[in-house]
Every structure is written in C-alpha cells, then in structure tokens.
Amino acid sequence: GSGGFRKRKHDNFPHGQRREEKENVNPSSALMASFKSFQLELDTRHDKYERLVKLSRDITIESKRTIFLLHRFTSAPNGEEILNESEVKLDAVRWKIKQVAQELIGEDMYQFHRAISPG
C-alpha cells in the first residue's frame, strides 16, 4: 500500500489461538525439561561470567590503588607504613586472582576470557 503499515506475519493468526497454544504445552514434557535444563545451564554460565567481570574490575582497581600508594613512597616520611599498607593491598589482589582461578576450575577458560580484563 501507499504509506500504510506493513502487515506482520503474526497478524494472520487470531489472538486467542496463540494463547491456546501456550496453554496446550505440557510442562512435564521431555522438550520442556530440556529447555529448563538449558535455561539453568545458561543462567549458571551468565552468573559465573558476571562474577568474573566483577572480580576482574576489583583486581584492576586494587592494583591501581596499590601503584598510586607506592608512588607516594619516595615523598612520604613514613615509608615503612606505606610498604606495609601496600603489602596488605597486594594480598587482597592475590586473593581475588585466586578467586578467579577457582571460578575457572573445570571450565573452558576461553568461554570466559572476555570477562577478565588484562588491566
């Protein structure tokens, strides 16, 4: 037509028919069980990915804070205190790196490599 709206594919079906099709799906069928299984697997993988992104960001932030702290070492009168504080911060970074390694045990690391920044 001239300037009218295009007809969509689903406009050919009555609205009630789609609802009836949803109601006719057996929730205990093998197909639905498969989809639930896939849903659980994908949700688990997504949650792990998000945890890795957060850990990676935390590692980057703590590393930068430690670096900036050590930059103050030469100009500060309390050098020993700064070194002790930086050691505590580096221990926190090591702990987070260990958490990343534990998350990746038994996983294909390449599925999650984009979650971990090299920063």
PDB file of N, CA and C in Angstrom:
ATOM      1  N   GLY A   1       0.791  -1.177   0.000  1.00  0.00           N
ATOM      2  CA  GLY A   1       0.000   0.000   0.000  1.00  0.00           C
ATOM      3  C   GLY A   1       0.837   1.245   0.000  1.00  0.00           C
ATOM      4  N   SER A   2       0.109   2.293  -0.108  1.00  0.00           N
ATOM      5  CA  SER A   2       0.758   3.598  -0.165  1.00  0.00           C
ATOM      6  C   SER A   2       0.797   4.215   1.227  1.00  0.00           C
ATOM      7  N   GLY A   3       1.937   4.086   1.878  1.00  0.00           N
ATOM      8  CA  GLY A   3       2.138   4.720   3.166  1.00  0.00           C
ATOM      9  C   GLY A   3       1.455   4.028   4.327  1.00  0.00           C
ATOM     10  N   GLY A   4       0.860   2.873   4.107  1.00  0.00           N
ATOM     11  CA  GLY A   4       0.177   2.172   5.201  1.00  0.00           C
ATOM     12  C   GLY A   4       1.160   1.322   5.986  1.00  0.00           C
ATOM     13  N   PHE A   5       0.667   0.723   7.020  1.00  0.00           N
ATOM     14  CA  PHE A   5       1.503  -0.140   7.834  1.00  0.00           C
ATOM     15  C   PHE A   5       1.650  -1.498   7.171  1.00  0.00           C
ATOM     16  N   ARG A   6       2.836  -2.066   7.296  1.00  0.00           N
ATOM     17  CA  ARG A   6       3.044  -3.417   6.767  1.00  0.00           C
ATOM     18  C   ARG A   6       2.362  -4.414   7.681  1.00  0.00           C
ATOM     19  N   LYS A   7       1.852  -5.434   7.090  1.00  0.00           N
ATOM     20  CA  LYS A   7       1.211  -6.482   7.865  1.00  0.00           C
ATOM     21  C   LYS A   7       2.287  -7.436   8.372  1.00  0.00           C
ATOM     22  N   ARG A   8       2.280  -7.715   9.660  1.00  0.00           N
ATOM     23  CA  ARG A   8       3.264  -8.614  10.235  1.00  0.00           C
ATOM     24  C   ARG A   8       2.795 -10.053  10.100  1.00  0.00           C
ATOM     25  N   LYS A   9       3.749 -10.964  10.177  1.00  0.00           N
ATOM     26  CA  LYS A   9       3.448 -12.385   9.997  1.00  0.00           C
ATOM     27  C   LYS A   9       2.405 -12.878  10.982  1.00  0.00           C
ATOM     28  N   HIS A  10       2.537 -12.462  12.240  1.00  0.00           N
ATOM     29  CA  HIS A  10       1.636 -12.999  13.246  1.00  0.00           C
ATOM     30  C   HIS A  10       0.246 -12.379  13.190  1.00  0.00           C
ATOM     31  N   ASP A  11       0.041 -11.364  12.335  1.00  0.00           N
ATOM     32  CA  ASP A  11      -1.288 -10.771  12.216  1.00  0.00           C
ATOM     33  C   ASP A  11      -2.265 -11.718  11.543  1.00  0.00           C
ATOM     34  N   ASN A  12      -1.756 -12.772  10.869  1.00  0.00           N
ATOM     35  CA  ASN A  12      -2.625 -13.729  10.197  1.00  0.00           C
ATOM     36  C   ASN A  12      -3.315 -14.667  11.182  1.00  0.00           C
ATOM     37  N   PHE A  13      -2.805 -14.741  12.419  1.00  0.00           N
ATOM     38  CA  PHE A  13      -3.364 -15.663  13.407  1.00  0.00           C
ATOM     39  C   PHE A  13      -4.285 -14.904  14.353  1.00  0.00           C
ATOM     40  N   PRO A  14      -5.386 -15.523  14.696  1.00  0.00           N
ATOM     41  CA  PRO A  14      -6.242 -14.871  15.710  1.00  0.00           C
ATOM     42  C   PRO A  14      -5.508 -14.816  17.049  1.00  0.00           C
ATOM     43  N   HIS A  15      -5.768 -13.772  17.804  1.00  0.00           N
ATOM     44  CA  HIS A  15      -5.023 -13.568  19.053  1.00  0.00           C
ATOM     45  C   HIS A  15      -5.253 -14.691  20.050  1.00  0.00           C
ATOM     46  N   GLY A  16      -6.439 -15.243  20.128  1.00  0.00           N
ATOM     47  CA  GLY A  16      -6.730 -16.297  21.080  1.00  0.00           C
ATOM     48  C   GLY A  16      -6.011 -17.598  20.755  1.00  0.00           C
ATOM     49  N   GLN A  17      -5.699 -17.822  19.480  1.00  0.00           N
ATOM     50  CA  GLN A  17      -5.063 -19.086  19.080  1.00  0.00           C
ATOM     51  C   GLN A  17      -3.674 -19.217  19.692  1.00  0.00           C
ATOM     52  N   ARG A  18      -2.897 -18.147  19.728  1.00  0.00           N
ATOM     53  CA  ARG A  18      -1.559 -18.215  20.313  1.00  0.00           C
ATOM     54  C   ARG A  18      -1.635 -18.521  21.803  1.00  0.00           C
ATOM     55  N   ARG A  19      -2.604 -17.940  22.486  1.00  0.00           N
ATOM     56  CA  ARG A  19      -2.765 -18.188  23.909  1.00  0.00           C
ATOM     57  C   ARG A  19      -3.131 -19.650  24.155  1.00  0.00           C
ATOM     58  N   GLU A  20      -3.993 -20.195  23.304  1.00  0.00           N
ATOM     59  CA  GLU A  20      -4.377 -21.599  23.453  1.00  0.00           C
ATOM     60  C   GLU A  20      -3.184 -22.518  23.229  1.00  0.00           C
ATOM     61  N   GLU A  21      -2.312 -22.160  22.295  1.00  0.00           N
ATOM     62  CA  GLU A  21      -1.125 -22.977  22.039  1.00  0.00           C
ATOM     63  C   GLU A  21      -0.227 -23.003  23.276  1.00  0.00           C
ATOM     64  N   LYS A  22      -0.098 -21.873  23.962  1.00  0.00           N
ATOM     65  CA  LYS A  22       0.716 -21.822  25.175  1.00  0.00           C
ATOM     66  C   LYS A  22       0.091 -22.684  26.265  1.00  0.00           C
ATOM     67  N   GLU A  23      -1.225 -22.666  26.347  1.00  0.00           N
ATOM     68  CA  GLU A  23      -1.895 -23.442  27.379  1.00  0.00           C
ATOM     69  C   GLU A  23      -1.810 -24.937  27.105  1.00  0.00           C
ATOM     70  N   ASN A  24      -1.661 -25.332  25.848  1.00  0.00           N
ATOM     71  CA  ASN A  24      -1.603 -26.735  25.483  1.00  0.00           C
ATOM     72  C   ASN A  24      -0.229 -27.355  25.690  1.00  0.00           C
ATOM     73  N   VAL A  25       0.765 -26.559  26.024  1.00  0.00           N
ATOM     74  CA  VAL A  25       2.114 -27.084  26.224  1.00  0.00           C
ATOM     75  C   VAL A  25       2.148 -27.825  27.550  1.00  0.00           C
ATOM     76  N   ASN A  26       2.623 -29.043  27.505  1.00  0.00           N
ATOM     77  CA  ASN A  26       2.712 -29.879  28.709  1.00  0.00           C
ATOM     78  C   ASN A  26       4.007 -29.534  29.450  1.00  0.00           C
ATOM     79  N   PRO A  27       3.918 -28.975  30.656  1.00  0.00           N
ATOM     80  CA  PRO A  27       5.143 -28.561  31.372  1.00  0.00           C
ATOM     81  C   PRO A  27       6.033 -29.728  31.776  1.00  0.00           C
ATOM     82  N   SER A  28       5.503 -30.943  31.770  1.00  0.00           N
ATOM     83  CA  SER A  28       6.322 -32.086  32.154  1.00  0.00           C
ATOM     84  C   SER A  28       6.851 -32.851  30.940  1.00  0.00           C
ATOM     85  N   SER A  29       6.711 -32.285  29.758  1.00  0.00           N
ATOM     86  CA  SER A  29       7.191 -32.974  28.558  1.00  0.00           C
ATOM     87  C   SER A  29       8.719 -32.983  28.512  1.00  0.00           C
ATOM     88  N   ALA A  30       9.257 -33.893  27.729  1.00  0.00           N
ATOM     89  CA  ALA A  30      10.716 -34.004  27.605  1.00  0.00           C
ATOM     90  C   ALA A  30      11.308 -32.745  26.995  1.00  0.00           C
ATOM     91  N   LEU A  31      10.586 -32.137  26.069  1.00  0.00           N
ATOM     92  CA  LEU A  31      11.077 -30.914  25.431  1.00  0.00           C
ATOM     93  C   LEU A  31      11.178 -29.779  26.450  1.00  0.00           C
ATOM     94  N   MET A  32      10.147 -29.633  27.285  1.00  0.00           N
ATOM     95  CA  MET A  32      10.182 -28.578  28.296  1.00  0.00           C
ATOM     96  C   MET A  32      11.282 -28.850  29.323  1.00  0.00           C
ATOM     97  N   ALA A  33      11.482 -30.110  29.663  1.00  0.00           N
ATOM     98  CA  ALA A  33      12.555 -30.456  30.598  1.00  0.00           C
ATOM     99  C   ALA A  33      13.912 -30.093  29.998  1.00  0.00           C
ATOM    100  N   SER A  34      14.076 -30.320  28.700  1.00  0.00           N
ATOM    101  CA  SER A  34      15.325 -29.947  28.027  1.00  0.00           C
ATOM    102  C   SER A  34      15.530 -28.444  28.067  1.00  0.00           C
ATOM    103  N   PHE A  35      14.459 -27.697  27.780  1.00  0.00           N
ATOM    104  CA  PHE A  35      14.580 -26.242  27.802  1.00  0.00           C
ATOM    105  C   PHE A  35      14.893 -25.729  29.208  1.00  0.00           C
ATOM    106  N   LYS A  36      14.295 -26.325  30.218  1.00  0.00           N
ATOM    107  CA  LYS A  36      14.602 -25.920  31.593  1.00  0.00           C
ATOM    108  C   LYS A  36      16.062 -26.208  31.923  1.00  0.00           C
ATOM    109  N   SER A  37      16.551 -27.350  31.435  1.00  0.00           N
ATOM    110  CA  SER A  37      17.948 -27.711  31.653  1.00  0.00           C
ATOM    111  C   SER A  37      18.878 -26.708  30.978  1.00  0.00           C
ATOM    112  N   PHE A  38      18.545 -26.338  29.739  1.00  0.00           N
ATOM    113  CA  PHE A  38      19.364 -25.358  29.011  1.00  0.00           C
ATOM    114  C   PHE A  38      19.291 -23.992  29.691  1.00  0.00           C
ATOM    115  N   GLN A  39      18.106 -23.648  30.186  1.00  0.00           N
ATOM    116  CA  GLN A  39      17.943 -22.370  30.870  1.00  0.00           C
ATOM    117  C   GLN A  39      18.830 -22.313  32.107  1.00  0.00           C
ATOM    118  N   LEU A  40      18.824 -23.392  32.876  1.00  0.00           N
ATOM    119  CA  LEU A  40      19.653 -23.451  34.084  1.00  0.00           C
ATOM    120  C   LEU A  40      21.136 -23.355  33.736  1.00  0.00           C
ATOM    121  N   GLU A  41      21.551 -24.065  32.700  1.00  0.00           N
ATOM    122  CA  GLU A  41      22.955 -24.032  32.280  1.00  0.00           C
ATOM    123  C   GLU A  41      23.370 -22.638  31.827  1.00  0.00           C
ATOM    124  N   LEU A  42      22.523 -21.989  31.035  1.00  0.00           N
ATOM    125  CA  LEU A  42      22.850 -20.642  30.559  1.00  0.00           C
ATOM    126  C   LEU A  42      22.855 -19.625  31.700  1.00  0.00           C
ATOM    127  N   ASP A  43      21.897 -19.753  32.619  1.00  0.00           N
ATOM    128  CA  ASP A  43      21.875 -18.843  33.770  1.00  0.00           C
ATOM    129  C   ASP A  43      23.121 -19.008  34.634  1.00  0.00           C
ATOM    130  N   THR A  44      23.533 -20.253  34.835  1.00  0.00           N
ATOM    131  CA  THR A  44      24.734 -20.526  35.624  1.00  0.00           C
ATOM    132  C   THR A  44      25.969 -19.935  34.957  1.00  0.00           C
ATOM    133  N   ARG A  45      26.076 -20.114  33.649  1.00  0.00           N
ATOM    134  CA  ARG A  45      27.224 -19.577  32.916  1.00  0.00           C
ATOM    135  C   ARG A  45      27.222 -18.053  32.952  1.00  0.00           C
ATOM    136  N   HIS A  46      26.048 -17.455  32.802  1.00  0.00           N
ATOM    137  CA  HIS A  46      25.961 -15.993  32.830  1.00  0.00           C
ATOM    138  C   HIS A  46      26.342 -15.455  34.212  1.00  0.00           C
ATOM    139  N   ASP A  47      25.876 -16.124  35.262  1.00  0.00           N
ATOM    140  CA  ASP A  47      26.229 -15.694  36.615  1.00  0.00           C
ATOM    141  C   ASP A  47      27.735 -15.783  36.856  1.00  0.00           C
ATOM    142  N   LYS A  48      28.345 -16.855  36.379  1.00  0.00           N
ATOM    143  CA  LYS A  48      29.797 -17.011  36.522  1.00  0.00           C
ATOM    144  C   LYS A  48      30.520 -15.910  35.751  1.00  0.00           C
ATOM    145  N   TYR A  49      30.050 -15.605  34.545  1.00  0.00           N
ATOM    146  CA  TYR A  49      30.645 -14.553  33.734  1.00  0.00           C
ATOM    147  C   TYR A  49      30.588 -13.220  34.480  1.00  0.00           C
ATOM    148  N   GLU A  50      29.428 -12.915  35.069  1.00  0.00           N
ATOM    149  CA  GLU A  50      29.279 -11.659  35.806  1.00  0.00           C
ATOM    150  C   GLU A  50      30.186 -11.618  37.037  1.00  0.00           C
ATOM    151  N   ARG A  51      30.326 -12.750  37.736  1.00  0.00           N
ATOM    152  CA  ARG A  51      31.240 -12.783  38.880  1.00  0.00           C
ATOM    153  C   ARG A  51      32.675 -12.526  38.432  1.00  0.00           C
ATOM    154  N   LEU A  52      33.055 -13.100  37.299  1.00  0.00           N
ATOM    155  CA  LEU A  52      34.416 -12.903  36.789  1.00  0.00           C
ATOM    156  C   LEU A  52      34.648 -11.452  36.375  1.00  0.00           C
ATOM    157  N   VAL A  53      33.639 -10.822  35.778  1.00  0.00           N
ATOM    158  CA  VAL A  53      33.763  -9.406  35.400  1.00  0.00           C
ATOM    159  C   VAL A  53      33.981  -8.561  36.658  1.00  0.00           C
ATOM    160  N   LYS A  54      33.195  -8.828  37.693  1.00  0.00           N
ATOM    161  CA  LYS A  54      33.331  -8.062  38.934  1.00  0.00           C
ATOM    162  C   LYS A  54      34.701  -8.290  39.570  1.00  0.00           C
ATOM    163  N   LEU A  55      35.141  -9.535  39.636  1.00  0.00           N
ATOM    164  CA  LEU A  55      36.465  -9.816  40.202  1.00  0.00           C
ATOM    165  C   LEU A  55      37.563  -9.123  39.406  1.00  0.00           C
ATOM    166  N   SER A  56      37.444  -9.145  38.098  1.00  0.00           N
ATOM    167  CA  SER A  56      38.442  -8.512  37.247  1.00  0.00           C
ATOM    168  C   SER A  56      38.504  -7.009  37.496  1.00  0.00           C
ATOM    169  N   ARG A  57      37.340  -6.389  37.620  1.00  0.00           N
ATOM    170  CA  ARG A  57      37.313  -4.950  37.908  1.00  0.00           C
ATOM    171  C   ARG A  57      37.911  -4.654  39.277  1.00  0.00           C
ATOM    172  N   ASP A  58      37.583  -5.499  40.250  1.00  0.00           N
ATOM    173  CA  ASP A  58      38.142  -5.305  41.594  1.00  0.00           C
ATOM    174  C   ASP A  58      39.665  -5.438  41.586  1.00  0.00           C
ATOM    175  N   ILE A  59      40.172  -6.406  40.827  1.00  0.00           N
ATOM    176  CA  ILE A  59      41.623  -6.588  40.716  1.00  0.00           C
ATOM    177  C   ILE A  59      42.264  -5.344  40.116  1.00  0.00           C
ATOM    178  N   THR A  60      41.666  -4.832  39.056  1.00  0.00           N
ATOM    179  CA  THR A  60      42.208  -3.641  38.400  1.00  0.00           C
ATOM    180  C   THR A  60      42.205  -2.447  39.347  1.00  0.00           C
ATOM    181  N   ILE A  61      41.104  -2.246  40.048  1.00  0.00           N
ATOM    182  CA  ILE A  61      41.001  -1.102  40.963  1.00  0.00           C
ATOM    183  C   ILE A  61      42.027  -1.206  42.087  1.00  0.00           C
ATOM    184  N   GLU A  62      42.102  -2.374  42.721  1.00  0.00           N
ATOM    185  CA  GLU A  62      43.050  -2.537  43.832  1.00  0.00           C
ATOM    186  C   GLU A  62      44.503  -2.435  43.357  1.00  0.00           C
ATOM    187  N   SER A  63      44.782  -2.923  42.172  1.00  0.00           N
ATOM    188  CA  SER A  63      46.142  -2.819  41.629  1.00  0.00           C
ATOM    189  C   SER A  63      46.522  -1.360  41.414  1.00  0.00           C
ATOM    190  N   LYS A  64      45.595  -0.597  40.858  1.00  0.00           N
ATOM    191  CA  LYS A  64      45.873   0.827  40.626  1.00  0.00           C
ATOM    192  C   LYS A  64      46.066   1.566  41.947  1.00  0.00           C
ATOM    193  N   ARG A  65      45.241   1.242  42.920  1.00  0.00           N
ATOM    194  CA  ARG A  65      45.391   1.894  44.227  1.00  0.00           C
ATOM    195  C   ARG A  65      46.747   1.573  44.840  1.00  0.00           C
ATOM    196  N   THR A  66      47.184   0.348  44.686  1.00  0.00           N
ATOM    197  CA  THR A  66      48.483  -0.044  45.222  1.00  0.00           C
ATOM    198  C   THR A  66      49.608   0.695  44.504  1.00  0.00           C
ATOM    199  N   ILE A  67      49.504   0.793  43.202  1.00  0.00           N
ATOM    200  CA  ILE A  67      50.524   1.514  42.424  1.00  0.00           C
ATOM    201  C   ILE A  67      50.598   2.969  42.851  1.00  0.00           C
ATOM    202  N   PHE A  68      49.436   3.620  42.991  1.00  0.00           N
ATOM    203  CA  PHE A  68      49.441   5.026  43.396  1.00  0.00           C
ATOM    204  C   PHE A  68      49.964   5.189  44.824  1.00  0.00           C
ATOM    205  N   LEU A  69      49.688   4.217  45.660  1.00  0.00           N
ATOM    206  CA  LEU A  69      50.218   4.254  47.023  1.00  0.00           C
ATOM    207  C   LEU A  69      51.744   4.173  46.994  1.00  0.00           C
ATOM    208  N   LEU A  70      52.270   3.290  46.169  1.00  0.00           N
ATOM    209  CA  LEU A  70      53.726   3.139  46.088  1.00  0.00           C
ATOM    210  C   LEU A  70      54.395   4.350  45.438  1.00  0.00           C
ATOM    211  N   HIS A  71      53.660   5.099  44.617  1.00  0.00           N
ATOM    212  CA  HIS A  71      54.221   6.335  44.058  1.00  0.00           C
ATOM    213  C   HIS A  71      54.489   7.357  45.158  1.00  0.00           C
ATOM    214  N   ARG A  72      53.730   7.286  46.231  1.00  0.00           N
ATOM    215  CA  ARG A  72      53.917   8.224  47.342  1.00  0.00           C
ATOM    216  C   ARG A  72      55.073   7.818  48.253  1.00  0.00           C
ATOM    217  N   PHE A  73      55.626   6.647  48.033  1.00  0.00           N
ATOM    218  CA  PHE A  73      56.662   6.116  48.919  1.00  0.00           C
ATOM    219  C   PHE A  73      57.870   7.045  49.009  1.00  0.00           C
ATOM    220  N   THR A  74      58.326   7.565  47.886  1.00  0.00           N
ATOM    221  CA  THR A  74      59.547   8.390  47.884  1.00  0.00           C
ATOM    222  C   THR A  74      59.349   9.748  48.533  1.00  0.00           C
ATOM    223  N   SER A  75      58.123  10.266  48.495  1.00  0.00           N
ATOM    224  CA  SER A  75      57.897  11.617  49.041  1.00  0.00           C
ATOM    225  C   SER A  75      57.322  11.594  50.455  1.00  0.00           C
ATOM    226  N   ALA A  76      56.974  10.442  50.964  1.00  0.00           N
ATOM    227  CA  ALA A  76      56.355  10.369  52.292  1.00  0.00           C
ATOM    228  C   ALA A  76      57.408  10.072  53.357  1.00  0.00           C
ATOM    229  N   PRO A  77      57.248  10.655  54.538  1.00  0.00           N
ATOM    230  CA  PRO A  77      58.207  10.389  55.622  1.00  0.00           C
ATOM    231  C   PRO A  77      58.003   9.003  56.261  1.00  0.00           C
ATOM    232  N   ASN A  78      56.814   8.450  56.145  1.00  0.00           N
ATOM    233  CA  ASN A  78      56.506   7.162  56.775  1.00  0.00           C
ATOM    234  C   ASN A  78      56.531   6.045  55.726  1.00  0.00           C
ATOM    235  N   GLY A  79      57.698   5.788  55.183  1.00  0.00           N
ATOM    236  CA  GLY A  79      57.854   4.807  54.113  1.00  0.00           C
ATOM    237  C   GLY A  79      57.515   3.391  54.533  1.00  0.00           C
ATOM    238  N   GLU A  80      57.872   3.033  55.754  1.00  0.00           N
ATOM    239  CA  GLU A  80      57.599   1.669  56.238  1.00  0.00           C
ATOM    240  C   GLU A  80      56.091   1.414  56.329  1.00  0.00           C
ATOM    241  N   GLU A  81      55.361   2.411  56.762  1.00  0.00           N
ATOM    242  CA  GLU A  81      53.904   2.282  56.870  1.00  0.00           C
ATOM    243  C   GLU A  81      53.269   2.113  55.482  1.00  0.00           C
ATOM    244  N   ILE A  82      53.759   2.845  54.517  1.00  0.00           N
ATOM    245  CA  ILE A  82      53.250   2.732  53.149  1.00  0.00           C
ATOM    246  C   ILE A  82      53.550   1.351  52.581  1.00  0.00           C
ATOM    247  N   LEU A  83      54.742   0.839  52.836  1.00  0.00           N
ATOM    248  CA  LEU A  83      55.078  -0.505  52.352  1.00  0.00           C
ATOM    249  C   LEU A  83      54.188  -1.574  52.989  1.00  0.00           C
ATOM    250  N   ASN A  84      53.918  -1.422  54.274  1.00  0.00           N
ATOM    251  CA  ASN A  84      53.034  -2.385  54.936  1.00  0.00           C
ATOM    252  C   ASN A  84      51.613  -2.328  54.368  1.00  0.00           C
ATOM    253  N   GLU A  85      51.129  -1.120  54.148  1.00  0.00           N
ATOM    254  CA  GLU A  85      49.788  -0.955  53.581  1.00  0.00           C
ATOM    255  C   GLU A  85      49.715  -1.521  52.159  1.00  0.00           C
ATOM    256  N   SER A  86      50.781  -1.302  51.392  1.00  0.00           N
ATOM    257  CA  SER A  86      50.781  -1.830  50.025  1.00  0.00           C
ATOM    258  C   SER A  86      50.838  -3.355  50.018  1.00  0.00           C
ATOM    259  N   GLU A  87      51.516  -3.936  51.001  1.00  0.00           N
ATOM    260  CA  GLU A  87      51.559  -5.397  51.097  1.00  0.00           C
ATOM    261  C   GLU A  87      50.165  -5.963  51.386  1.00  0.00           C
ATOM    262  N   VAL A  88      49.412  -5.282  52.237  1.00  0.00           N
ATOM    263  CA  VAL A  88      48.032  -5.702  52.532  1.00  0.00           C
ATOM    264  C   VAL A  88      47.173  -5.615  51.274  1.00  0.00           C
ATOM    265  N   LYS A  89      47.340  -4.535  50.522  1.00  0.00           N
ATOM    266  CA  LYS A  89      46.567  -4.368  49.289  1.00  0.00           C
ATOM    267  C   LYS A  89      46.950  -5.426  48.254  1.00  0.00           C
ATOM    268  N   LEU A  90      48.215  -5.741  48.158  1.00  0.00           N
ATOM    269  CA  LEU A  90      48.643  -6.781  47.210  1.00  0.00           C
ATOM    270  C   LEU A  90      48.132  -8.153  47.615  1.00  0.00           C
ATOM    271  N   ASP A  91      48.030  -8.405  48.910  1.00  0.00           N
ATOM    272  CA  ASP A  91      47.443  -9.664  49.370  1.00  0.00           C
ATOM    273  C   ASP A  91      45.983  -9.766  48.937  1.00  0.00           C
ATOM    274  N   ALA A  92      45.275  -8.646  48.993  1.00  0.00           N
ATOM    275  CA  ALA A  92      43.880  -8.630  48.541  1.00  0.00           C
ATOM    276  C   ALA A  92      43.791  -8.919  47.041  1.00  0.00           C
ATOM    277  N   VAL A  93      44.732  -8.377  46.268  1.00  0.00           N
ATOM    278  CA  VAL A  93      44.765  -8.632  44.826  1.00  0.00           C
ATOM    279  C   VAL A  93      45.062 -10.110  44.579  1.00  0.00           C
ATOM    280  N   ARG A  94      46.010 -10.655  45.314  1.00  0.00           N
ATOM    281  CA  ARG A  94      46.334 -12.087  45.153  1.00  0.00           C
ATOM    282  C   ARG A  94      45.122 -12.960  45.477  1.00  0.00           C
ATOM    283  N   TRP A  95      44.379 -12.586  46.507  1.00  0.00           N
ATOM    284  CA  TRP A  95      43.200 -13.351  46.901  1.00  0.00           C
ATOM    285  C   TRP A  95      42.144 -13.321  45.789  1.00  0.00           C
ATOM    286  N   LYS A  96      41.961 -12.159  45.169  1.00  0.00           N
ATOM    287  CA  LYS A  96      40.979 -12.052  44.087  1.00  0.00           C
ATOM    288  C   LYS A  96      41.430 -12.833  42.855  1.00  0.00           C
ATOM    289  N   ILE A  97      42.726 -12.850  42.583  1.00  0.00           N
ATOM    290  CA  ILE A  97      43.235 -13.653  41.468  1.00  0.00           C
ATOM    291  C   ILE A  97      42.996 -15.134  41.752  1.00  0.00           C
ATOM    292  N   LYS A  98      43.155 -15.521  42.998  1.00  0.00           N
ATOM    293  CA  LYS A  98      42.883 -16.907  43.389  1.00  0.00           C
ATOM    294  C   LYS A  98      41.406 -17.238  43.202  1.00  0.00           C
ATOM    295  N   GLN A  99      40.525 -16.285  43.515  1.00  0.00           N
ATOM    296  CA  GLN A  99      39.086 -16.491  43.313  1.00  0.00           C
ATOM    297  C   GLN A  99      38.763 -16.683  41.832  1.00  0.00           C
ATOM    298  N   VAL A 100      39.432 -15.915  40.965  1.00  0.00           N
ATOM    299  CA  VAL A 100      39.234 -16.078  39.525  1.00  0.00           C
ATOM    300  C   VAL A 100      39.656 -17.478  39.106  1.00  0.00           C
ATOM    301  N   ALA A 101      40.807 -17.916  39.600  1.00  0.00           N
ATOM    302  CA  ALA A 101      41.292 -19.252  39.256  1.00  0.00           C
ATOM    303  C   ALA A 101      40.317 -20.328  39.735  1.00  0.00           C
ATOM    304  N   GLN A 102      39.764 -20.155  40.919  1.00  0.00           N
ATOM    305  CA  GLN A 102      38.806 -21.131  41.439  1.00  0.00           C
ATOM    306  C   GLN A 102      37.521 -21.151  40.614  1.00  0.00           C
ATOM    307  N   GLU A 103      37.098 -19.999  40.117  1.00  0.00           N
ATOM    308  CA  GLU A 103      35.904 -19.940  39.265  1.00  0.00           C
ATOM    309  C   GLU A 103      36.126 -20.699  37.956  1.00  0.00           C
ATOM    310  N   LEU A 104      37.372 -20.733  37.497  1.00  0.00           N
ATOM    311  CA  LEU A 104      37.660 -21.329  36.188  1.00  0.00           C
ATOM    312  C   LEU A 104      38.049 -22.805  36.274  1.00  0.00           C
ATOM    313  N   ILE A 105      38.060 -23.380  37.476  1.00  0.00           N
ATOM    314  CA  ILE A 105      38.388 -24.810  37.604  1.00  0.00           C
ATOM    315  C   ILE A 105      37.326 -25.627  36.874  1.00  0.00           C
ATOM    316  N   GLY A 106      37.777 -26.484  35.982  1.00  0.00           N
ATOM    317  CA  GLY A 106      36.870 -27.351  35.251  1.00  0.00           C
ATOM    318  C   GLY A 106      36.116 -26.677  34.123  1.00  0.00           C
ATOM    319  N   GLU A 107      36.437 -25.444  33.829  1.00  0.00           N
ATOM    320  CA  GLU A 107      35.763 -24.688  32.759  1.00  0.00           C
ATOM    321  C   GLU A 107      36.723 -24.468  31.603  1.00  0.00           C
ATOM    322  N   ASP A 108      36.149 -24.261  30.447  1.00  0.00           N
ATOM    323  CA  ASP A 108      36.943 -23.858  29.292  1.00  0.00           C
ATOM    324  C   ASP A 108      37.209 -22.362  29.448  1.00  0.00           C
ATOM    325  N   MET A 109      38.449 -22.017  29.762  1.00  0.00           N
ATOM    326  CA  MET A 109      38.787 -20.629  30.053  1.00  0.00           C
ATOM    327  C   MET A 109      38.425 -19.692  28.904  1.00  0.00           C
ATOM    328  N   TYR A 110      38.463 -20.202  27.687  1.00  0.00           N
ATOM    329  CA  TYR A 110      38.220 -19.340  26.532  1.00  0.00           C
ATOM    330  C   TYR A 110      36.763 -18.905  26.425  1.00  0.00           C
ATOM    331  N   GLN A 111      35.850 -19.575  27.130  1.00  0.00           N
ATOM    332  CA  GLN A 111      34.466 -19.111  27.155  1.00  0.00           C
ATOM    333  C   GLN A 111      34.334 -17.848  28.001  1.00  0.00           C
ATOM    334  N   PHE A 112      35.276 -17.648  28.900  1.00  0.00           N
ATOM    335  CA  PHE A 112      35.181 -16.536  29.836  1.00  0.00           C
ATOM    336  C   PHE A 112      36.324 -15.530  29.675  1.00  0.00           C
ATOM    337  N   HIS A 113      37.131 -15.663  28.632  1.00  0.00           N
ATOM    338  CA  HIS A 113      38.315 -14.797  28.530  1.00  0.00           C
ATOM    339  C   HIS A 113      37.964 -13.328  28.372  1.00  0.00           C
ATOM    340  N   ARG A 114      36.791 -13.016  27.833  1.00  0.00           N
ATOM    341  CA  ARG A 114      36.415 -11.610  27.677  1.00  0.00           C
ATOM    342  C   ARG A 114      35.959 -11.000  29.006  1.00  0.00           C
ATOM    343  N   ALA A 115      35.638 -11.833  29.976  1.00  0.00           N
ATOM    344  CA  ALA A 115      35.202 -11.328  31.276  1.00  0.00           C
ATOM    345  C   ALA A 115      36.376 -10.817  32.094  1.00  0.00           C
ATOM    346  N   ILE A 116      37.563 -11.281  31.765  1.00  0.00           N
ATOM    347  CA  ILE A 116      38.754 -10.934  32.548  1.00  0.00           C
ATOM    348  C   ILE A 116      39.579  -9.946  31.756  1.00  0.00           C
ATOM    349  N   SER A 117      39.707  -8.743  32.300  1.00  0.00           N
ATOM    350  CA  SER A 117      40.472  -7.718  31.579  1.00  0.00           C
ATOM    351  C   SER A 117      41.953  -7.862  31.893  1.00  0.00           C
ATOM    352  N   PRO A 118      42.796  -7.530  30.921  1.00  0.00           N
ATOM    353  CA  PRO A 118      44.242  -7.616  31.172  1.00  0.00           C
ATOM    354  C   PRO A 118      44.764  -6.450  31.985  1.00  0.00           C
ATOM    355  N   GLY A 119      43.904  -5.473  32.328  1.00  0.00           N
ATOM    356  CA  GLY A 119      44.323  -4.283  33.059  1.00  0.00           C
ATOM    357  C   GLY A 119      44.706  -4.610  34.449  1.00  0.00           C
TER     358      GLY A 119
END
